[in-house]
N, C-alpha and C. Protein backbone atom coordinates (compact mmCIF):
# COMPACT_ATOMS: atom_id res chain seq x y z
N MET A 1 0.84 -1.20 0.00
CA MET A 1 0.00 0.00 0.00
C MET A 1 0.88 1.25 0.00
N LYS A 2 0.49 2.25 -0.78
CA LYS A 2 1.29 3.46 -0.92
C LYS A 2 1.36 4.24 0.39
N LYS A 3 2.55 4.73 0.72
CA LYS A 3 2.74 5.56 1.91
C LYS A 3 3.44 6.85 1.51
N THR A 4 2.89 7.97 1.96
CA THR A 4 3.49 9.27 1.67
C THR A 4 3.54 10.10 2.94
N LYS A 5 4.51 11.00 3.01
CA LYS A 5 4.62 11.90 4.16
C LYS A 5 3.92 13.22 3.86
N HIS A 6 3.23 13.72 4.88
CA HIS A 6 2.48 14.97 4.72
C HIS A 6 2.73 15.86 5.93
N THR A 7 2.70 17.16 5.67
CA THR A 7 2.95 18.15 6.72
C THR A 7 1.64 18.71 7.25
N VAL A 8 1.57 18.90 8.53
CA VAL A 8 0.39 19.49 9.16
C VAL A 8 0.33 20.98 8.82
N PHE A 9 -0.79 21.40 8.19
CA PHE A 9 -1.02 22.83 7.97
C PHE A 9 -1.56 23.47 9.23
N GLU A 10 -2.63 22.87 9.76
CA GLU A 10 -3.25 23.44 10.96
C GLU A 10 -4.22 22.45 11.59
N ILE A 11 -4.55 22.72 12.84
CA ILE A 11 -5.60 22.01 13.56
C ILE A 11 -6.74 23.00 13.74
N ILE A 12 -7.93 22.63 13.24
CA ILE A 12 -9.09 23.51 13.33
C ILE A 12 -10.05 22.92 14.36
N ASN A 13 -10.11 23.53 15.53
CA ASN A 13 -10.97 23.04 16.60
C ASN A 13 -12.41 23.46 16.33
N LEU A 14 -13.31 22.48 16.31
CA LEU A 14 -14.72 22.73 16.04
C LEU A 14 -15.54 22.75 17.32
N THR A 15 -15.39 21.71 18.12
CA THR A 15 -16.07 21.60 19.41
C THR A 15 -15.07 21.06 20.41
N SER A 16 -15.51 20.90 21.65
CA SER A 16 -14.60 20.34 22.66
C SER A 16 -14.18 18.92 22.31
N GLY A 17 -14.98 18.25 21.47
CA GLY A 17 -14.68 16.86 21.15
C GLY A 17 -14.26 16.58 19.73
N THR A 18 -14.37 17.56 18.82
CA THR A 18 -14.04 17.30 17.42
C THR A 18 -13.14 18.39 16.84
N PHE A 19 -12.36 18.00 15.87
CA PHE A 19 -11.46 18.94 15.21
C PHE A 19 -11.17 18.46 13.80
N ILE A 20 -10.68 19.37 12.97
CA ILE A 20 -10.22 19.03 11.63
C ILE A 20 -8.71 19.05 11.61
N LEU A 21 -8.12 17.96 11.17
CA LEU A 21 -6.69 17.88 10.93
C LEU A 21 -6.46 18.18 9.46
N ARG A 22 -5.74 19.24 9.17
CA ARG A 22 -5.49 19.64 7.78
C ARG A 22 -4.02 19.42 7.44
N LEU A 23 -3.79 18.62 6.40
CA LEU A 23 -2.45 18.31 5.93
C LEU A 23 -2.24 18.87 4.53
N ASP A 24 -0.97 19.04 4.13
CA ASP A 24 -0.70 19.40 2.75
C ASP A 24 -1.09 18.24 1.84
N ARG A 25 -1.46 18.55 0.61
CA ARG A 25 -1.95 17.53 -0.34
C ARG A 25 -0.81 16.64 -0.84
N ASN A 26 0.31 17.23 -1.17
CA ASN A 26 1.48 16.48 -1.64
C ASN A 26 1.13 15.51 -2.77
N ASN A 27 0.30 15.97 -3.71
CA ASN A 27 -0.08 15.18 -4.90
C ASN A 27 -0.83 13.89 -4.57
N PHE A 28 -1.42 13.81 -3.39
CA PHE A 28 -2.14 12.60 -3.00
C PHE A 28 -3.46 12.52 -3.77
N GLU A 29 -3.70 11.39 -4.43
CA GLU A 29 -4.91 11.20 -5.22
C GLU A 29 -5.85 10.22 -4.51
N PHE A 30 -7.14 10.53 -4.54
CA PHE A 30 -8.14 9.67 -3.89
C PHE A 30 -9.48 9.89 -4.55
N GLU A 31 -10.43 9.02 -4.24
CA GLU A 31 -11.81 9.19 -4.67
C GLU A 31 -12.65 9.57 -3.45
N ALA A 32 -13.64 10.42 -3.67
CA ALA A 32 -14.51 10.83 -2.58
C ALA A 32 -15.15 9.60 -1.94
N GLY A 33 -15.05 9.53 -0.61
CA GLY A 33 -15.60 8.39 0.12
C GLY A 33 -14.53 7.42 0.61
N GLN A 34 -13.30 7.60 0.16
CA GLN A 34 -12.25 6.69 0.61
C GLN A 34 -11.66 7.13 1.95
N TYR A 35 -10.87 6.24 2.55
CA TYR A 35 -10.22 6.54 3.82
C TYR A 35 -8.74 6.24 3.72
N VAL A 36 -8.00 6.67 4.73
CA VAL A 36 -6.56 6.40 4.81
C VAL A 36 -6.23 5.92 6.21
N ILE A 37 -5.01 5.46 6.36
CA ILE A 37 -4.46 5.15 7.69
C ILE A 37 -3.42 6.22 8.00
N LEU A 38 -3.61 6.93 9.08
CA LEU A 38 -2.64 7.93 9.52
C LEU A 38 -1.68 7.29 10.51
N ARG A 39 -0.40 7.52 10.29
CA ARG A 39 0.63 6.97 11.18
C ARG A 39 1.64 8.05 11.54
N VAL A 40 2.24 7.89 12.70
CA VAL A 40 3.34 8.75 13.12
C VAL A 40 4.62 8.19 12.49
N PRO A 41 5.43 9.03 11.84
CA PRO A 41 6.66 8.53 11.23
C PRO A 41 7.52 7.75 12.22
N GLY A 42 7.95 6.57 11.79
CA GLY A 42 8.80 5.75 12.64
C GLY A 42 8.07 4.85 13.61
N HIS A 43 6.73 4.90 13.60
CA HIS A 43 5.93 4.07 14.49
C HIS A 43 4.95 3.24 13.67
N LYS A 44 4.63 2.06 14.16
CA LYS A 44 3.71 1.17 13.45
C LYS A 44 2.24 1.52 13.71
N GLU A 45 1.98 2.10 14.87
CA GLU A 45 0.60 2.38 15.24
C GLU A 45 -0.06 3.36 14.27
N GLY A 46 -1.31 3.08 13.94
CA GLY A 46 -2.04 3.97 13.05
C GLY A 46 -3.53 3.84 13.25
N ARG A 47 -4.28 4.78 12.70
CA ARG A 47 -5.74 4.77 12.80
C ARG A 47 -6.33 5.11 11.43
N GLU A 48 -7.51 4.54 11.17
CA GLU A 48 -8.21 4.78 9.91
C GLU A 48 -9.11 6.01 10.04
N TYR A 49 -9.05 6.88 9.04
CA TYR A 49 -9.90 8.07 9.01
C TYR A 49 -10.38 8.32 7.59
N SER A 50 -11.68 8.57 7.45
CA SER A 50 -12.22 8.94 6.15
C SER A 50 -11.74 10.34 5.77
N ILE A 51 -11.57 10.54 4.49
CA ILE A 51 -11.14 11.84 3.99
C ILE A 51 -12.35 12.79 3.96
N TYR A 52 -12.17 13.95 4.53
CA TYR A 52 -13.24 14.95 4.69
C TYR A 52 -13.23 15.97 3.56
N SER A 53 -12.08 16.17 2.96
CA SER A 53 -11.93 17.19 1.92
C SER A 53 -12.40 16.67 0.56
N GLY A 54 -12.54 17.60 -0.38
CA GLY A 54 -12.93 17.24 -1.73
C GLY A 54 -11.74 16.86 -2.58
N THR A 55 -12.01 16.18 -3.67
CA THR A 55 -10.93 15.70 -4.53
C THR A 55 -10.15 16.82 -5.21
N ALA A 56 -10.72 18.01 -5.31
CA ALA A 56 -10.03 19.12 -5.97
C ALA A 56 -9.36 20.07 -4.97
N ASP A 57 -9.53 19.84 -3.68
CA ASP A 57 -8.91 20.71 -2.69
C ASP A 57 -7.39 20.54 -2.71
N ASN A 58 -6.68 21.60 -2.37
CA ASN A 58 -5.22 21.52 -2.36
C ASN A 58 -4.68 21.15 -0.98
N TYR A 59 -5.52 20.54 -0.17
CA TYR A 59 -5.13 20.06 1.15
C TYR A 59 -5.92 18.79 1.45
N LEU A 60 -5.52 18.07 2.49
CA LEU A 60 -6.24 16.88 2.96
C LEU A 60 -6.81 17.18 4.33
N ASP A 61 -8.14 17.08 4.45
CA ASP A 61 -8.81 17.30 5.73
C ASP A 61 -9.34 15.99 6.29
N PHE A 62 -9.27 15.87 7.61
CA PHE A 62 -9.84 14.73 8.32
C PHE A 62 -10.63 15.25 9.51
N LEU A 63 -11.90 14.86 9.58
CA LEU A 63 -12.74 15.23 10.72
C LEU A 63 -12.56 14.16 11.78
N ILE A 64 -12.07 14.56 12.95
CA ILE A 64 -11.67 13.59 13.97
C ILE A 64 -12.37 13.89 15.29
N ARG A 65 -12.87 12.84 15.90
CA ARG A 65 -13.43 12.96 17.26
C ARG A 65 -12.35 12.55 18.25
N GLU A 66 -12.05 13.44 19.18
CA GLU A 66 -11.06 13.11 20.19
C GLU A 66 -11.68 12.18 21.22
N ILE A 67 -11.09 11.02 21.39
CA ILE A 67 -11.58 10.02 22.34
C ILE A 67 -10.78 10.17 23.62
N PRO A 68 -11.45 10.50 24.73
CA PRO A 68 -10.73 10.77 25.98
C PRO A 68 -9.77 9.65 26.40
N GLU A 69 -10.21 8.42 26.20
CA GLU A 69 -9.36 7.29 26.62
C GLU A 69 -8.41 6.83 25.52
N GLY A 70 -8.46 7.49 24.36
CA GLY A 70 -7.60 7.10 23.24
C GLY A 70 -6.51 8.12 23.02
N HIS A 71 -5.26 7.73 23.19
CA HIS A 71 -4.17 8.71 23.12
C HIS A 71 -3.88 9.18 21.70
N PHE A 72 -4.23 8.38 20.67
CA PHE A 72 -3.85 8.72 19.30
C PHE A 72 -4.58 9.98 18.83
N SER A 73 -5.89 10.05 19.06
CA SER A 73 -6.64 11.23 18.62
C SER A 73 -6.19 12.47 19.38
N GLY A 74 -5.86 12.32 20.65
CA GLY A 74 -5.34 13.44 21.44
C GLY A 74 -3.99 13.90 20.93
N TYR A 75 -3.17 12.94 20.52
CA TYR A 75 -1.87 13.27 19.94
C TYR A 75 -2.05 14.09 18.67
N LEU A 76 -2.98 13.66 17.81
CA LEU A 76 -3.21 14.38 16.57
C LEU A 76 -3.69 15.80 16.83
N ARG A 77 -4.57 15.94 17.82
CA ARG A 77 -5.13 17.28 18.11
C ARG A 77 -4.07 18.26 18.56
N ASN A 78 -3.02 17.77 19.13
CA ASN A 78 -1.99 18.65 19.68
C ASN A 78 -0.77 18.79 18.79
N LEU A 79 -0.86 18.31 17.55
CA LEU A 79 0.26 18.46 16.63
C LEU A 79 0.44 19.93 16.25
N ALA A 80 1.67 20.34 16.15
CA ALA A 80 1.98 21.72 15.76
C ALA A 80 2.10 21.80 14.24
N PRO A 81 1.75 22.94 13.66
CA PRO A 81 1.98 23.12 12.22
C PRO A 81 3.43 22.82 11.87
N GLY A 82 3.62 22.10 10.78
CA GLY A 82 4.97 21.70 10.39
C GLY A 82 5.31 20.27 10.78
N SER A 83 4.52 19.68 11.69
CA SER A 83 4.73 18.29 12.06
C SER A 83 4.44 17.39 10.86
N GLU A 84 5.00 16.20 10.87
CA GLU A 84 4.78 15.27 9.76
C GLU A 84 3.99 14.05 10.19
N LEU A 85 3.18 13.56 9.26
CA LEU A 85 2.47 12.30 9.44
C LEU A 85 2.62 11.47 8.18
N VAL A 86 2.52 10.17 8.34
CA VAL A 86 2.51 9.26 7.19
C VAL A 86 1.07 8.94 6.84
N VAL A 87 0.74 9.09 5.57
CA VAL A 87 -0.59 8.76 5.07
C VAL A 87 -0.47 7.49 4.23
N GLU A 88 -1.20 6.47 4.64
CA GLU A 88 -1.18 5.18 3.95
C GLU A 88 -2.51 4.96 3.26
N GLY A 89 -2.48 4.73 1.97
CA GLY A 89 -3.72 4.54 1.23
C GLY A 89 -3.67 5.26 -0.10
N PRO A 90 -4.83 5.56 -0.66
CA PRO A 90 -6.19 5.48 -0.09
C PRO A 90 -6.75 4.06 -0.12
N CYS A 91 -7.80 3.85 0.69
CA CYS A 91 -8.43 2.54 0.82
C CYS A 91 -9.95 2.72 0.72
N GLY A 92 -10.61 1.60 0.45
CA GLY A 92 -12.06 1.57 0.54
C GLY A 92 -12.79 1.82 -0.76
N PHE A 93 -14.06 1.39 -0.76
CA PHE A 93 -14.91 1.47 -1.95
C PHE A 93 -16.25 2.14 -1.67
N PHE A 94 -16.31 2.95 -0.60
CA PHE A 94 -17.55 3.64 -0.25
C PHE A 94 -17.64 4.94 -1.04
N ILE A 95 -17.67 4.81 -2.35
CA ILE A 95 -17.69 5.95 -3.24
C ILE A 95 -19.06 6.04 -3.92
N PRO A 96 -19.44 7.20 -4.40
CA PRO A 96 -20.75 7.32 -5.07
C PRO A 96 -20.81 6.37 -6.27
N ASP A 97 -21.89 5.60 -6.37
CA ASP A 97 -21.98 4.68 -7.50
C ASP A 97 -22.50 5.39 -8.74
N GLN A 98 -22.55 4.66 -9.83
CA GLN A 98 -22.90 5.28 -11.11
C GLN A 98 -24.29 5.90 -11.10
N ARG A 99 -25.24 5.25 -10.41
CA ARG A 99 -26.59 5.78 -10.36
C ARG A 99 -26.61 7.16 -9.70
N THR A 100 -25.89 7.28 -8.60
CA THR A 100 -25.80 8.56 -7.90
C THR A 100 -25.14 9.61 -8.78
N MET A 101 -24.07 9.22 -9.47
CA MET A 101 -23.36 10.16 -10.32
C MET A 101 -24.22 10.63 -11.49
N LEU A 102 -25.19 9.80 -11.90
CA LEU A 102 -26.07 10.14 -13.02
C LEU A 102 -27.35 10.86 -12.59
N GLY A 103 -27.48 11.13 -11.29
CA GLY A 103 -28.60 11.94 -10.83
C GLY A 103 -29.70 11.23 -10.09
N THR A 104 -29.56 9.91 -9.84
CA THR A 104 -30.56 9.20 -9.04
C THR A 104 -30.63 9.81 -7.64
N PRO A 105 -31.83 10.06 -7.09
CA PRO A 105 -31.92 10.59 -5.73
C PRO A 105 -31.13 9.71 -4.76
N SER A 106 -30.30 10.35 -3.94
CA SER A 106 -29.46 9.61 -3.00
C SER A 106 -29.60 10.22 -1.61
N VAL A 107 -29.73 9.36 -0.63
CA VAL A 107 -29.91 9.81 0.76
C VAL A 107 -28.67 9.40 1.55
N PHE A 108 -27.98 10.38 2.08
CA PHE A 108 -26.76 10.16 2.86
C PHE A 108 -27.12 10.24 4.35
N ILE A 109 -26.93 9.15 5.06
CA ILE A 109 -27.32 9.08 6.47
C ILE A 109 -26.08 8.82 7.32
N ALA A 110 -25.82 9.71 8.27
CA ALA A 110 -24.59 9.61 9.07
C ALA A 110 -24.88 9.84 10.54
N THR A 111 -24.00 9.30 11.37
CA THR A 111 -23.94 9.68 12.78
C THR A 111 -22.53 10.17 13.07
N GLY A 112 -22.43 11.23 13.88
CA GLY A 112 -21.13 11.74 14.29
C GLY A 112 -20.21 12.07 13.14
N THR A 113 -18.94 11.63 13.25
CA THR A 113 -17.96 11.92 12.22
C THR A 113 -18.17 11.07 10.97
N GLY A 114 -19.19 10.23 10.99
CA GLY A 114 -19.56 9.49 9.79
C GLY A 114 -20.04 10.40 8.67
N ILE A 115 -20.16 11.70 8.95
CA ILE A 115 -20.52 12.66 7.91
C ILE A 115 -19.36 12.88 6.94
N SER A 116 -18.16 12.46 7.31
CA SER A 116 -16.95 12.76 6.52
C SER A 116 -17.04 12.38 5.05
N PRO A 117 -17.36 11.11 4.71
CA PRO A 117 -17.38 10.78 3.28
C PRO A 117 -18.42 11.57 2.51
N PHE A 118 -19.55 11.89 3.14
CA PHE A 118 -20.60 12.64 2.45
C PHE A 118 -20.17 14.09 2.21
N HIS A 119 -19.42 14.64 3.16
CA HIS A 119 -18.84 15.98 2.98
C HIS A 119 -17.90 15.96 1.78
N SER A 120 -17.12 14.90 1.66
CA SER A 120 -16.21 14.76 0.51
C SER A 120 -17.00 14.58 -0.79
N TYR A 121 -18.08 13.80 -0.73
CA TYR A 121 -18.93 13.61 -1.93
C TYR A 121 -19.37 14.96 -2.50
N VAL A 122 -20.00 15.79 -1.65
CA VAL A 122 -20.64 17.00 -2.16
C VAL A 122 -19.62 18.08 -2.52
N LYS A 123 -18.45 18.07 -1.87
CA LYS A 123 -17.41 19.00 -2.26
C LYS A 123 -16.80 18.58 -3.60
N SER A 124 -16.72 17.28 -3.82
CA SER A 124 -16.14 16.77 -5.06
C SER A 124 -17.10 16.84 -6.23
N TYR A 125 -18.40 16.60 -5.95
CA TYR A 125 -19.43 16.55 -6.99
C TYR A 125 -20.63 17.38 -6.56
N PRO A 126 -20.55 18.69 -6.68
CA PRO A 126 -21.62 19.56 -6.17
C PRO A 126 -22.96 19.42 -6.88
N GLY A 127 -22.99 18.72 -8.02
CA GLY A 127 -24.24 18.57 -8.75
C GLY A 127 -25.05 17.35 -8.37
N LEU A 128 -24.65 16.62 -7.34
CA LEU A 128 -25.38 15.42 -6.94
C LEU A 128 -26.80 15.75 -6.49
N ASN A 129 -27.70 14.80 -6.73
CA ASN A 129 -29.10 14.93 -6.30
C ASN A 129 -29.23 14.21 -4.95
N TYR A 130 -29.05 14.94 -3.86
CA TYR A 130 -28.93 14.29 -2.57
C TYR A 130 -29.73 15.00 -1.47
N THR A 131 -29.94 14.25 -0.39
CA THR A 131 -30.33 14.81 0.89
C THR A 131 -29.45 14.15 1.95
N VAL A 132 -29.26 14.84 3.07
CA VAL A 132 -28.39 14.37 4.13
C VAL A 132 -29.14 14.34 5.45
N LEU A 133 -29.02 13.23 6.17
CA LEU A 133 -29.50 13.14 7.55
C LEU A 133 -28.27 12.95 8.43
N HIS A 134 -28.12 13.81 9.43
CA HIS A 134 -26.96 13.72 10.31
C HIS A 134 -27.43 13.58 11.75
N GLY A 135 -27.17 12.43 12.33
CA GLY A 135 -27.56 12.17 13.71
C GLY A 135 -26.45 12.53 14.68
N VAL A 136 -26.78 13.37 15.67
CA VAL A 136 -25.83 13.79 16.70
C VAL A 136 -26.56 13.86 18.03
N LYS A 137 -25.81 13.93 19.11
CA LYS A 137 -26.44 14.12 20.42
C LYS A 137 -26.93 15.56 20.55
N TYR A 138 -26.04 16.50 20.30
CA TYR A 138 -26.36 17.92 20.40
C TYR A 138 -26.19 18.58 19.03
N SER A 139 -27.07 19.48 18.70
CA SER A 139 -27.02 20.10 17.37
C SER A 139 -25.70 20.81 17.12
N SER A 140 -25.05 21.29 18.17
CA SER A 140 -23.75 21.98 18.01
C SER A 140 -22.67 21.03 17.51
N GLU A 141 -22.92 19.73 17.57
CA GLU A 141 -21.93 18.75 17.12
C GLU A 141 -21.99 18.50 15.61
N SER A 142 -22.97 19.07 14.93
CA SER A 142 -23.05 18.90 13.48
C SER A 142 -21.89 19.65 12.83
N CYS A 143 -21.30 19.04 11.81
CA CYS A 143 -20.11 19.60 11.19
C CYS A 143 -20.30 19.72 9.68
N GLY A 144 -19.65 20.70 9.10
CA GLY A 144 -19.60 20.81 7.65
C GLY A 144 -20.86 21.28 6.99
N ARG A 145 -21.75 21.90 7.75
CA ARG A 145 -23.04 22.26 7.19
C ARG A 145 -22.91 23.22 6.00
N GLU A 146 -21.84 24.03 6.00
CA GLU A 146 -21.66 25.01 4.93
C GLU A 146 -21.42 24.36 3.58
N ALA A 147 -21.03 23.09 3.57
CA ALA A 147 -20.74 22.40 2.31
C ALA A 147 -22.01 21.88 1.64
N PHE A 148 -23.08 21.71 2.42
CA PHE A 148 -24.31 21.15 1.88
C PHE A 148 -25.26 22.25 1.43
N ILE A 149 -25.96 22.00 0.34
CA ILE A 149 -26.92 22.97 -0.18
C ILE A 149 -28.00 23.22 0.86
N SER A 150 -28.36 24.49 1.04
CA SER A 150 -29.39 24.85 2.01
C SER A 150 -30.67 24.07 1.76
N GLY A 151 -31.20 23.48 2.82
CA GLY A 151 -32.42 22.70 2.71
C GLY A 151 -32.20 21.23 2.38
N LYS A 152 -30.95 20.88 2.10
CA LYS A 152 -30.65 19.48 1.75
C LYS A 152 -30.22 18.65 2.96
N GLN A 153 -29.89 19.31 4.08
CA GLN A 153 -29.40 18.59 5.25
C GLN A 153 -30.36 18.73 6.41
N THR A 154 -30.61 17.62 7.10
CA THR A 154 -31.44 17.61 8.31
C THR A 154 -30.59 17.14 9.48
N ILE A 155 -30.48 17.97 10.51
CA ILE A 155 -29.76 17.60 11.72
C ILE A 155 -30.75 16.96 12.69
N CYS A 156 -30.51 15.71 13.04
CA CYS A 156 -31.35 14.98 14.00
C CYS A 156 -30.59 14.93 15.32
N SER A 157 -31.03 15.70 16.30
CA SER A 157 -30.34 15.74 17.60
C SER A 157 -31.20 15.09 18.67
N THR A 158 -30.57 14.25 19.47
CA THR A 158 -31.33 13.50 20.48
C THR A 158 -31.38 14.18 21.84
N GLN A 159 -30.42 15.09 22.11
CA GLN A 159 -30.32 15.66 23.45
C GLN A 159 -30.74 17.12 23.53
N ASP A 160 -31.08 17.74 22.42
CA ASP A 160 -31.60 19.11 22.47
C ASP A 160 -32.58 19.30 21.32
N SER A 161 -33.23 20.45 21.31
CA SER A 161 -34.24 20.75 20.28
C SER A 161 -33.77 21.84 19.33
N LYS A 162 -32.46 22.03 19.23
CA LYS A 162 -31.92 23.09 18.40
C LYS A 162 -31.58 22.64 16.99
N GLY A 163 -31.73 21.35 16.73
CA GLY A 163 -31.50 20.85 15.38
C GLY A 163 -32.76 20.99 14.54
N ASP A 164 -32.79 20.29 13.42
CA ASP A 164 -33.97 20.34 12.54
C ASP A 164 -35.03 19.33 12.97
N PHE A 165 -34.60 18.30 13.71
CA PHE A 165 -35.53 17.26 14.18
C PHE A 165 -35.01 16.73 15.50
N LYS A 166 -35.88 16.66 16.50
CA LYS A 166 -35.46 16.10 17.80
C LYS A 166 -35.73 14.61 17.79
N GLY A 167 -34.65 13.86 17.81
CA GLY A 167 -34.77 12.41 17.78
C GLY A 167 -33.69 11.80 16.89
N ARG A 168 -33.79 10.52 16.72
CA ARG A 168 -32.78 9.79 15.95
C ARG A 168 -33.13 9.81 14.46
N VAL A 169 -32.15 9.45 13.65
CA VAL A 169 -32.38 9.43 12.21
C VAL A 169 -33.47 8.43 11.84
N THR A 170 -33.57 7.33 12.59
CA THR A 170 -34.64 6.36 12.32
C THR A 170 -36.01 6.99 12.55
N GLY A 171 -36.13 7.79 13.60
CA GLY A 171 -37.39 8.47 13.87
C GLY A 171 -37.76 9.43 12.76
N TYR A 172 -36.76 10.13 12.24
CA TYR A 172 -37.02 11.05 11.14
C TYR A 172 -37.49 10.30 9.90
N LEU A 173 -36.83 9.19 9.59
CA LEU A 173 -37.21 8.41 8.42
C LEU A 173 -38.63 7.86 8.56
N GLU A 174 -38.96 7.40 9.74
CA GLU A 174 -40.31 6.87 9.97
C GLU A 174 -41.36 7.96 9.81
N LYS A 175 -41.04 9.17 10.23
CA LYS A 175 -42.00 10.26 10.16
C LYS A 175 -42.10 10.86 8.75
N SER A 176 -40.96 10.99 8.08
CA SER A 176 -40.93 11.66 6.77
C SER A 176 -41.27 10.73 5.63
N GLY A 177 -41.09 9.42 5.84
CA GLY A 177 -41.36 8.46 4.78
C GLY A 177 -40.10 8.07 4.03
N ILE A 178 -40.16 6.92 3.38
CA ILE A 178 -39.02 6.36 2.67
C ILE A 178 -39.21 6.56 1.17
N ASP A 179 -38.23 7.16 0.53
CA ASP A 179 -38.25 7.31 -0.92
C ASP A 179 -37.79 5.99 -1.55
N LYS A 180 -38.69 5.28 -2.16
CA LYS A 180 -38.36 3.96 -2.70
C LYS A 180 -37.57 4.02 -4.00
N ASN A 181 -37.37 5.23 -4.53
CA ASN A 181 -36.60 5.38 -5.75
C ASN A 181 -35.16 5.83 -5.48
N ALA A 182 -34.81 5.96 -4.20
CA ALA A 182 -33.50 6.50 -3.84
C ALA A 182 -32.48 5.39 -3.57
N VAL A 183 -31.22 5.79 -3.65
CA VAL A 183 -30.11 4.95 -3.19
C VAL A 183 -29.70 5.48 -1.82
N TYR A 184 -29.52 4.59 -0.85
CA TYR A 184 -29.22 4.99 0.53
C TYR A 184 -27.78 4.64 0.89
N TYR A 185 -27.09 5.62 1.46
CA TYR A 185 -25.71 5.45 1.91
C TYR A 185 -25.70 5.68 3.43
N LEU A 186 -25.17 4.72 4.17
CA LEU A 186 -25.17 4.80 5.63
C LEU A 186 -23.73 4.80 6.14
N CYS A 187 -23.40 5.74 7.01
CA CYS A 187 -22.05 5.77 7.57
C CYS A 187 -22.12 6.25 9.01
N GLY A 188 -21.59 5.43 9.91
CA GLY A 188 -21.60 5.79 11.32
C GLY A 188 -21.52 4.57 12.19
N ASN A 189 -22.10 4.66 13.39
CA ASN A 189 -21.98 3.55 14.33
C ASN A 189 -22.82 2.35 13.87
N ALA A 190 -22.40 1.19 14.31
CA ALA A 190 -23.00 -0.07 13.85
C ALA A 190 -24.48 -0.17 14.20
N ASN A 191 -24.86 0.33 15.37
CA ASN A 191 -26.27 0.24 15.77
C ASN A 191 -27.17 1.02 14.82
N MET A 192 -26.73 2.23 14.45
CA MET A 192 -27.52 3.03 13.51
C MET A 192 -27.65 2.30 12.18
N ILE A 193 -26.56 1.77 11.69
CA ILE A 193 -26.58 1.11 10.40
C ILE A 193 -27.49 -0.11 10.42
N ASP A 194 -27.45 -0.88 11.50
CA ASP A 194 -28.33 -2.05 11.61
C ASP A 194 -29.80 -1.63 11.63
N GLU A 195 -30.11 -0.62 12.43
CA GLU A 195 -31.50 -0.19 12.58
C GLU A 195 -32.04 0.45 11.29
N VAL A 196 -31.24 1.29 10.66
CA VAL A 196 -31.70 1.94 9.43
C VAL A 196 -31.81 0.92 8.31
N SER A 197 -30.86 0.00 8.21
CA SER A 197 -30.92 -1.05 7.19
C SER A 197 -32.19 -1.88 7.33
N THR A 198 -32.52 -2.24 8.57
CA THR A 198 -33.75 -3.01 8.82
C THR A 198 -34.98 -2.21 8.42
N LEU A 199 -34.99 -0.93 8.78
CA LEU A 199 -36.12 -0.07 8.44
C LEU A 199 -36.28 0.03 6.92
N LEU A 200 -35.18 0.19 6.21
CA LEU A 200 -35.24 0.31 4.76
C LEU A 200 -35.68 -1.00 4.11
N GLU A 201 -35.14 -2.10 4.61
CA GLU A 201 -35.52 -3.41 4.05
C GLU A 201 -37.00 -3.70 4.29
N ASN A 202 -37.49 -3.32 5.46
CA ASN A 202 -38.92 -3.50 5.75
C ASN A 202 -39.80 -2.60 4.90
N SER A 203 -39.19 -1.56 4.34
CA SER A 203 -39.91 -0.64 3.45
C SER A 203 -39.69 -1.03 1.98
N GLU A 204 -39.18 -2.23 1.78
CA GLU A 204 -39.01 -2.82 0.44
C GLU A 204 -37.93 -2.14 -0.39
N ILE A 205 -36.93 -1.55 0.30
CA ILE A 205 -35.76 -1.05 -0.42
C ILE A 205 -34.85 -2.23 -0.71
N LYS A 206 -34.46 -2.40 -1.96
CA LYS A 206 -33.64 -3.54 -2.35
C LYS A 206 -32.24 -3.44 -1.73
N PRO A 207 -31.64 -4.58 -1.37
CA PRO A 207 -30.31 -4.56 -0.75
C PRO A 207 -29.27 -3.82 -1.58
N GLU A 208 -29.37 -3.89 -2.90
CA GLU A 208 -28.37 -3.22 -3.73
C GLU A 208 -28.52 -1.69 -3.69
N ASN A 209 -29.62 -1.21 -3.10
CA ASN A 209 -29.83 0.23 -2.95
C ASN A 209 -29.48 0.73 -1.56
N ILE A 210 -28.84 -0.15 -0.78
CA ILE A 210 -28.39 0.23 0.57
C ILE A 210 -26.89 -0.04 0.66
N ARG A 211 -26.11 1.01 0.84
CA ARG A 211 -24.66 0.87 0.95
C ARG A 211 -24.22 1.41 2.30
N SER A 212 -23.23 0.77 2.91
CA SER A 212 -22.88 1.19 4.26
C SER A 212 -21.38 1.11 4.53
N GLU A 213 -20.97 1.94 5.47
CA GLU A 213 -19.60 1.96 5.98
C GLU A 213 -19.69 2.14 7.49
N VAL A 214 -19.19 1.17 8.24
CA VAL A 214 -19.33 1.18 9.70
C VAL A 214 -18.18 1.91 10.36
N TYR A 215 -18.50 2.84 11.28
CA TYR A 215 -17.52 3.46 12.16
C TYR A 215 -17.71 2.84 13.54
N PHE A 216 -16.69 2.23 14.07
CA PHE A 216 -16.79 1.62 15.39
C PHE A 216 -16.48 2.63 16.47
């Protein structure tokens, strides 16, 4: 697998728990929806992160949740500009399929930092026919809203009423109805993916119209 060194441009703090790690592009090529393994030079330890930036951006962005008990994310958050990281990849096949690229209605459903590949999708291909559901605990945890067309994104927050819908993404889907002509992309925690997949299948959405990427 290809490995390249990249320099930290900056750390962009979004909330107390999330931040954007921005690296120089260094001619790195990828497809929207792919992920990489970030490693510290000279160390074997690494973590997988979906690419948050668009394919035409001159930098590489990663939306990262700092895990209190996990030292790697904390290490990344405290990197100084000019520090180096090894980027291994790109990996994965969670990319927009041909139907989506040709204009088929597509529903992007995410929890937490699972919004990353969808942010990359719309930055890379702004003409997509999409809607986005983003499940978070608090509406302030929603990220990247500026990249999505106004009215195309629904924030589903479970712990406050400041989002667009109070409750989980499954509750929103049950209330708003299922578009049987759409392709569904799911990215986030395993429980959400299992529950939404079951809901879609029970609504007669064909398995080939449900694509998923699990964030543990």
